[in-house]
């Protein structure tokens, strides 16, 4: 899929730290419980760390106790892209930024969380930047 923001591998490597590059551009995963936004309660908007596309609101963030920040919906469906992921011996749905194609995490359904959508967007903190409300 062509993205609004296209950069060469070298340009992404120059822009991102090695850890950010491993997750955002190579679909890696940060270790559970270490991300800067896992437990934050700060109100605001979470954007793609690679391109600034606004993706999630603190209003949809919830405590899933899974080790990564969790949201029950994106700000708008057109801001994210869904890709079938059959790696690691299971079927999952990968979530990417629709503007630059960067890997964000995965979305899961039917886990029984008391959220309006019954979905858990399990997103790597390192894929996001939080802009606090009023900033």
N, C-alpha and C. Protein backbone atom coordinates (compact mmCIF):
# COMPACT_ATOMS: atom_id res chain seq x y z
N UNK A 1 0.85 -1.18 0.00
CA UNK A 1 0.00 0.00 0.00
C UNK A 1 0.89 1.24 0.00
N UNK A 2 0.61 2.19 -0.87
CA UNK A 2 1.38 3.44 -0.83
C UNK A 2 0.90 4.30 0.36
N UNK A 3 1.85 4.93 1.01
CA UNK A 3 1.53 5.76 2.18
C UNK A 3 1.79 7.23 1.85
N UNK A 4 1.10 8.10 2.55
CA UNK A 4 1.29 9.54 2.38
C UNK A 4 2.74 9.93 2.67
N UNK A 5 3.33 9.28 3.67
CA UNK A 5 4.73 9.54 4.02
C UNK A 5 5.54 8.32 3.64
N UNK A 6 6.41 8.48 2.67
CA UNK A 6 7.30 7.41 2.20
C UNK A 6 8.73 7.87 2.42
N UNK A 7 9.54 7.04 3.05
CA UNK A 7 10.95 7.34 3.27
C UNK A 7 11.75 6.09 2.98
N UNK A 8 13.00 6.30 2.64
CA UNK A 8 13.89 5.15 2.43
C UNK A 8 14.25 4.55 3.78
N UNK A 9 14.75 3.34 3.74
CA UNK A 9 15.20 2.68 4.95
C UNK A 9 16.26 3.53 5.66
N UNK A 10 17.16 4.10 4.89
CA UNK A 10 18.22 4.94 5.47
C UNK A 10 17.64 6.18 6.16
N UNK A 11 16.62 6.78 5.55
CA UNK A 11 15.99 7.96 6.16
C UNK A 11 15.30 7.60 7.48
N UNK A 12 14.61 6.45 7.51
CA UNK A 12 13.97 6.02 8.76
C UNK A 12 15.02 5.76 9.83
N UNK A 13 16.12 5.11 9.46
CA UNK A 13 17.18 4.81 10.42
C UNK A 13 17.81 6.08 10.98
N UNK A 14 17.88 7.11 10.16
CA UNK A 14 18.45 8.39 10.60
C UNK A 14 17.50 9.12 11.56
N UNK A 15 16.20 9.00 11.30
CA UNK A 15 15.18 9.69 12.11
C UNK A 15 14.93 9.01 13.45
N UNK A 16 14.92 7.68 13.46
CA UNK A 16 14.51 6.92 14.64
C UNK A 16 15.70 6.35 15.39
N UNK A 17 15.53 6.16 16.70
CA UNK A 17 16.55 5.46 17.47
C UNK A 17 16.55 3.99 17.05
N UNK A 18 17.60 3.24 17.35
CA UNK A 18 17.58 1.81 16.99
C UNK A 18 16.38 1.06 17.57
N UNK A 19 15.98 1.38 18.80
CA UNK A 19 14.84 0.70 19.42
C UNK A 19 13.53 1.09 18.71
N UNK A 20 13.37 2.38 18.40
CA UNK A 20 12.17 2.82 17.67
C UNK A 20 12.11 2.17 16.30
N UNK A 21 13.24 2.12 15.61
CA UNK A 21 13.30 1.52 14.28
C UNK A 21 12.90 0.04 14.33
N UNK A 22 13.40 -0.68 15.32
CA UNK A 22 13.11 -2.12 15.44
C UNK A 22 11.62 -2.38 15.59
N UNK A 23 10.91 -1.52 16.31
CA UNK A 23 9.48 -1.72 16.51
C UNK A 23 8.68 -1.11 15.35
N UNK A 24 8.90 0.16 15.07
CA UNK A 24 8.10 0.86 14.07
C UNK A 24 8.30 0.36 12.64
N UNK A 25 9.53 0.06 12.26
CA UNK A 25 9.80 -0.30 10.86
C UNK A 25 10.03 -1.79 10.64
N UNK A 26 10.33 -2.55 11.72
CA UNK A 26 10.57 -3.98 11.57
C UNK A 26 9.55 -4.82 12.33
N UNK A 27 8.48 -4.20 12.80
CA UNK A 27 7.38 -4.88 13.49
C UNK A 27 7.83 -5.64 14.73
N UNK A 28 8.79 -5.07 15.45
CA UNK A 28 9.23 -5.67 16.70
C UNK A 28 8.25 -5.35 17.82
N UNK A 29 8.55 -5.82 19.00
CA UNK A 29 7.71 -5.58 20.17
C UNK A 29 8.61 -5.24 21.35
N UNK A 30 8.25 -4.17 22.07
CA UNK A 30 9.01 -3.88 23.28
C UNK A 30 8.59 -4.86 24.37
N UNK A 31 9.48 -5.05 25.33
CA UNK A 31 9.17 -5.97 26.43
C UNK A 31 7.97 -5.47 27.22
N UNK A 32 7.15 -6.36 27.75
CA UNK A 32 5.99 -5.94 28.53
C UNK A 32 6.41 -5.21 29.80
N UNK A 33 5.62 -4.20 30.14
CA UNK A 33 5.81 -3.48 31.39
C UNK A 33 6.92 -2.44 31.41
N UNK A 34 7.60 -2.22 30.30
CA UNK A 34 8.70 -1.27 30.30
C UNK A 34 8.38 0.03 29.57
N UNK A 35 7.30 0.07 28.82
CA UNK A 35 6.96 1.25 28.02
C UNK A 35 6.57 2.44 28.86
N UNK A 36 6.92 3.63 28.37
CA UNK A 36 6.65 4.85 29.13
C UNK A 36 5.17 5.17 29.27
N UNK A 37 4.30 4.62 28.43
CA UNK A 37 2.87 4.93 28.51
C UNK A 37 2.02 3.79 29.06
N UNK A 38 2.64 2.71 29.48
CA UNK A 38 1.88 1.56 29.95
C UNK A 38 0.91 1.93 31.07
N UNK A 39 1.36 2.68 32.04
CA UNK A 39 0.52 3.00 33.20
C UNK A 39 0.14 4.47 33.32
N UNK A 40 0.49 5.30 32.34
CA UNK A 40 0.20 6.73 32.46
C UNK A 40 -1.30 7.00 32.42
N UNK A 41 -1.70 8.00 33.17
CA UNK A 41 -3.10 8.44 33.22
C UNK A 41 -3.24 9.85 32.64
N UNK A 42 -2.18 10.38 32.06
CA UNK A 42 -2.18 11.73 31.51
C UNK A 42 -3.21 11.85 30.39
N UNK A 43 -4.03 12.89 30.45
CA UNK A 43 -5.01 13.13 29.40
C UNK A 43 -4.32 13.74 28.20
N UNK A 44 -4.72 13.29 27.00
CA UNK A 44 -4.14 13.84 25.79
C UNK A 44 -4.35 12.93 24.59
N UNK A 45 -3.55 13.19 23.55
CA UNK A 45 -3.65 12.45 22.29
C UNK A 45 -2.32 11.76 22.02
N UNK A 46 -2.40 10.50 21.62
CA UNK A 46 -1.23 9.70 21.29
C UNK A 46 -1.07 9.68 19.77
N UNK A 47 0.12 10.07 19.30
CA UNK A 47 0.42 10.13 17.87
C UNK A 47 1.50 9.13 17.50
N UNK A 48 1.57 8.81 16.22
CA UNK A 48 2.62 7.94 15.71
C UNK A 48 3.97 8.63 15.91
N UNK A 49 4.90 7.95 16.54
CA UNK A 49 6.21 8.52 16.81
C UNK A 49 7.00 8.77 15.52
N UNK A 50 6.69 8.03 14.48
CA UNK A 50 7.43 8.19 13.22
C UNK A 50 6.95 9.37 12.38
N UNK A 51 5.63 9.64 12.39
CA UNK A 51 5.12 10.68 11.47
C UNK A 51 4.20 11.72 12.11
N UNK A 52 3.79 11.52 13.35
CA UNK A 52 2.94 12.50 14.03
C UNK A 52 1.44 12.33 13.80
N UNK A 53 1.03 11.31 13.05
CA UNK A 53 -0.39 11.06 12.81
C UNK A 53 -1.09 10.78 14.15
N UNK A 54 -2.14 11.55 14.46
CA UNK A 54 -2.87 11.36 15.72
C UNK A 54 -3.68 10.07 15.64
N UNK A 55 -3.46 9.17 16.60
CA UNK A 55 -4.01 7.82 16.53
C UNK A 55 -5.01 7.47 17.62
N UNK A 56 -4.68 7.76 18.88
CA UNK A 56 -5.50 7.33 20.01
C UNK A 56 -5.68 8.49 21.00
N UNK A 57 -6.78 8.44 21.72
CA UNK A 57 -7.05 9.42 22.76
C UNK A 57 -6.95 8.76 24.13
N UNK A 58 -6.54 9.54 25.11
CA UNK A 58 -6.51 9.02 26.48
C UNK A 58 -7.91 8.61 26.94
N UNK A 59 -8.94 9.15 26.29
CA UNK A 59 -10.32 8.81 26.65
C UNK A 59 -10.65 7.35 26.34
N UNK A 60 -9.90 6.72 25.42
CA UNK A 60 -10.16 5.32 25.08
C UNK A 60 -9.10 4.39 25.68
N UNK A 61 -8.19 4.93 26.46
CA UNK A 61 -7.14 4.12 27.09
C UNK A 61 -7.73 3.45 28.33
N UNK A 62 -7.37 2.19 28.55
CA UNK A 62 -7.87 1.49 29.73
C UNK A 62 -6.81 0.55 30.28
N UNK A 63 -6.98 0.17 31.53
CA UNK A 63 -6.04 -0.73 32.20
C UNK A 63 -6.38 -2.17 31.85
N UNK A 64 -5.55 -2.77 31.00
CA UNK A 64 -5.77 -4.16 30.63
C UNK A 64 -4.83 -5.09 31.40
N UNK A 65 -3.83 -4.50 32.04
CA UNK A 65 -2.84 -5.26 32.82
C UNK A 65 -2.11 -6.29 31.95
N UNK A 66 -1.90 -5.93 30.67
CA UNK A 66 -1.22 -6.85 29.75
C UNK A 66 0.25 -6.50 29.56
N UNK A 67 0.69 -5.35 30.07
CA UNK A 67 2.08 -4.95 29.94
C UNK A 67 2.35 -3.91 28.88
N UNK A 68 1.30 -3.53 28.11
CA UNK A 68 1.42 -2.51 27.08
C UNK A 68 0.22 -1.57 27.20
N UNK A 69 0.35 -0.34 26.70
CA UNK A 69 -0.82 0.54 26.70
C UNK A 69 -1.95 -0.08 25.87
N UNK A 70 -3.18 0.05 26.35
CA UNK A 70 -4.33 -0.52 25.67
C UNK A 70 -5.40 0.53 25.45
N UNK A 71 -6.03 0.47 24.29
CA UNK A 71 -7.09 1.40 23.91
C UNK A 71 -8.24 0.57 23.35
N UNK A 72 -9.48 1.07 23.48
CA UNK A 72 -10.59 0.29 22.93
C UNK A 72 -11.00 0.76 21.55
N UNK A 73 -10.41 1.84 21.04
CA UNK A 73 -10.65 2.26 19.65
C UNK A 73 -9.66 3.34 19.27
N UNK A 74 -9.37 3.47 17.95
CA UNK A 74 -8.53 4.57 17.49
C UNK A 74 -9.37 5.85 17.41
N UNK A 75 -8.71 6.98 17.20
CA UNK A 75 -9.44 8.24 17.03
C UNK A 75 -10.40 8.16 15.84
N UNK A 76 -9.95 7.53 14.76
CA UNK A 76 -10.79 7.32 13.58
C UNK A 76 -10.22 6.11 12.83
N UNK A 77 -11.10 5.31 12.26
CA UNK A 77 -10.67 4.08 11.58
C UNK A 77 -9.68 4.34 10.45
N UNK A 78 -9.81 5.47 9.74
CA UNK A 78 -8.91 5.73 8.61
C UNK A 78 -7.50 6.11 9.06
N UNK A 79 -7.27 6.26 10.35
CA UNK A 79 -5.94 6.61 10.85
C UNK A 79 -5.05 5.39 11.07
N UNK A 80 -5.67 4.22 11.06
CA UNK A 80 -4.90 2.98 11.24
C UNK A 80 -5.19 2.02 10.09
N UNK A 81 -4.27 1.09 9.91
CA UNK A 81 -4.40 0.06 8.90
C UNK A 81 -4.32 -1.29 9.60
N UNK A 82 -5.07 -2.26 9.10
CA UNK A 82 -5.09 -3.58 9.70
C UNK A 82 -4.49 -4.60 8.72
N UNK A 83 -3.57 -5.41 9.24
CA UNK A 83 -2.88 -6.41 8.43
C UNK A 83 -2.99 -7.76 9.15
N UNK A 84 -3.37 -8.81 8.42
CA UNK A 84 -3.39 -10.14 9.02
C UNK A 84 -1.95 -10.56 9.32
N UNK A 85 -1.73 -11.03 10.53
CA UNK A 85 -0.39 -11.42 11.01
C UNK A 85 -0.44 -12.88 11.46
N UNK A 86 0.27 -13.72 10.74
CA UNK A 86 0.28 -15.15 11.10
C UNK A 86 1.64 -15.59 11.64
N UNK A 87 2.45 -14.64 12.07
CA UNK A 87 3.74 -14.98 12.67
C UNK A 87 3.52 -15.54 14.07
N UNK A 88 4.54 -16.12 14.62
CA UNK A 88 4.53 -16.66 15.98
C UNK A 88 3.49 -17.76 16.17
N UNK A 89 3.11 -18.44 15.08
CA UNK A 89 2.22 -19.59 15.18
C UNK A 89 0.79 -19.28 15.56
N UNK A 90 0.34 -18.05 15.34
CA UNK A 90 -1.05 -17.70 15.67
C UNK A 90 -1.58 -16.70 14.66
N UNK A 91 -2.90 -16.51 14.67
CA UNK A 91 -3.53 -15.49 13.83
C UNK A 91 -3.81 -14.26 14.68
N UNK A 92 -3.24 -13.15 14.25
CA UNK A 92 -3.48 -11.89 14.94
C UNK A 92 -3.75 -10.82 13.89
N UNK A 93 -4.16 -9.65 14.35
CA UNK A 93 -4.37 -8.52 13.47
C UNK A 93 -3.39 -7.42 13.89
N UNK A 94 -2.44 -7.16 12.99
CA UNK A 94 -1.46 -6.10 13.23
C UNK A 94 -2.11 -4.75 12.97
N UNK A 95 -1.72 -3.75 13.77
CA UNK A 95 -2.19 -2.38 13.60
C UNK A 95 -1.00 -1.54 13.16
N UNK A 96 -1.17 -0.83 12.04
CA UNK A 96 -0.14 0.06 11.53
C UNK A 96 -0.70 1.47 11.38
N UNK A 97 0.19 2.44 11.38
CA UNK A 97 -0.20 3.81 11.08
C UNK A 97 -0.56 3.89 9.61
N UNK A 98 -1.73 4.43 9.30
CA UNK A 98 -2.19 4.52 7.91
C UNK A 98 -1.45 5.60 7.13
N UNK A 99 -0.77 6.49 7.81
CA UNK A 99 -0.08 7.59 7.13
C UNK A 99 1.34 7.21 6.69
N UNK A 100 2.04 6.38 7.49
CA UNK A 100 3.43 6.04 7.16
C UNK A 100 3.72 4.54 7.15
N UNK A 101 2.75 3.73 7.56
CA UNK A 101 2.93 2.28 7.55
C UNK A 101 3.72 1.73 8.72
N UNK A 102 3.97 2.53 9.72
CA UNK A 102 4.74 2.05 10.88
C UNK A 102 3.92 1.09 11.74
N UNK A 103 4.60 0.07 12.25
CA UNK A 103 3.98 -0.92 13.14
C UNK A 103 3.69 -0.27 14.49
N UNK A 104 2.46 -0.48 14.98
CA UNK A 104 2.05 0.05 16.28
C UNK A 104 1.87 -1.06 17.30
N UNK A 105 1.26 -2.16 16.90
CA UNK A 105 0.96 -3.27 17.81
C UNK A 105 -0.06 -4.17 17.17
N UNK A 106 -0.99 -4.69 17.98
CA UNK A 106 -2.03 -5.60 17.50
C UNK A 106 -3.37 -5.24 18.15
N UNK A 107 -4.45 -5.68 17.52
CA UNK A 107 -5.77 -5.50 18.10
C UNK A 107 -6.38 -6.88 18.33
N UNK A 108 -7.01 -7.04 19.49
CA UNK A 108 -7.63 -8.31 19.87
C UNK A 108 -9.10 -8.06 20.19
N UNK A 109 -9.95 -9.04 19.93
CA UNK A 109 -11.38 -8.93 20.20
C UNK A 109 -11.85 -10.07 21.08
N UNK A 110 -12.95 -9.82 21.78
CA UNK A 110 -13.61 -10.88 22.52
C UNK A 110 -12.88 -11.38 23.75
N UNK A 111 -12.10 -10.51 24.37
CA UNK A 111 -11.35 -10.93 25.56
C UNK A 111 -12.12 -10.68 26.85
N UNK A 112 -13.28 -10.03 26.74
CA UNK A 112 -14.12 -9.84 27.92
C UNK A 112 -13.86 -8.58 28.71
N UNK A 113 -13.07 -7.64 28.17
CA UNK A 113 -12.88 -6.37 28.87
C UNK A 113 -14.19 -5.58 28.80
N UNK A 114 -14.48 -4.84 29.83
CA UNK A 114 -15.71 -4.06 29.89
C UNK A 114 -15.59 -2.75 29.14
N UNK A 115 -15.28 -2.82 27.87
CA UNK A 115 -15.15 -1.63 27.04
C UNK A 115 -16.28 -1.58 26.03
N UNK A 116 -16.57 -0.40 25.48
CA UNK A 116 -17.69 -0.28 24.53
C UNK A 116 -17.51 -1.12 23.25
N UNK A 117 -16.28 -1.43 22.86
CA UNK A 117 -16.05 -2.14 21.60
C UNK A 117 -15.66 -3.60 21.77
N UNK A 118 -15.35 -4.04 22.98
CA UNK A 118 -14.84 -5.38 23.25
C UNK A 118 -13.55 -5.64 22.45
N UNK A 119 -12.80 -4.57 22.21
CA UNK A 119 -11.51 -4.67 21.53
C UNK A 119 -10.41 -4.13 22.44
N UNK A 120 -9.21 -4.68 22.23
CA UNK A 120 -8.02 -4.18 22.94
C UNK A 120 -6.94 -3.92 21.91
N UNK A 121 -6.69 -2.65 21.67
CA UNK A 121 -5.57 -2.25 20.82
C UNK A 121 -4.35 -2.25 21.73
N UNK A 122 -3.53 -3.26 21.58
CA UNK A 122 -2.34 -3.46 22.40
C UNK A 122 -1.18 -2.81 21.64
N UNK A 123 -0.76 -1.63 22.09
CA UNK A 123 0.14 -0.78 21.32
C UNK A 123 1.46 -0.58 22.07
N UNK A 124 2.55 -0.66 21.34
CA UNK A 124 3.87 -0.41 21.91
C UNK A 124 4.03 1.07 22.27
N UNK A 125 4.44 1.36 23.50
CA UNK A 125 4.68 2.74 23.91
C UNK A 125 5.66 3.43 22.97
N UNK A 126 6.69 2.70 22.57
CA UNK A 126 7.76 3.27 21.75
C UNK A 126 7.26 3.68 20.36
N UNK A 127 6.07 3.23 19.98
CA UNK A 127 5.46 3.61 18.71
C UNK A 127 4.71 4.94 18.80
N UNK A 128 4.55 5.45 20.00
CA UNK A 128 3.70 6.61 20.25
C UNK A 128 4.43 7.79 20.87
N UNK A 129 3.83 8.95 20.70
CA UNK A 129 4.23 10.17 21.40
C UNK A 129 2.96 10.78 21.98
N UNK A 130 2.96 11.09 23.26
CA UNK A 130 1.78 11.68 23.92
C UNK A 130 1.87 13.20 23.93
N UNK A 131 0.83 13.85 23.43
CA UNK A 131 0.70 15.30 23.55
C UNK A 131 -0.36 15.55 24.62
N UNK A 132 0.09 15.98 25.82
CA UNK A 132 -0.85 16.19 26.92
C UNK A 132 -1.91 17.23 26.55
N UNK A 133 -3.10 17.04 27.09
CA UNK A 133 -4.21 17.98 26.88
C UNK A 133 -3.79 19.38 27.32
N UNK A 134 -4.08 20.35 26.48
CA UNK A 134 -3.74 21.74 26.79
C UNK A 134 -2.32 22.13 26.41
N UNK A 135 -1.53 21.19 25.92
CA UNK A 135 -0.14 21.53 25.55
C UNK A 135 -0.05 22.05 24.14
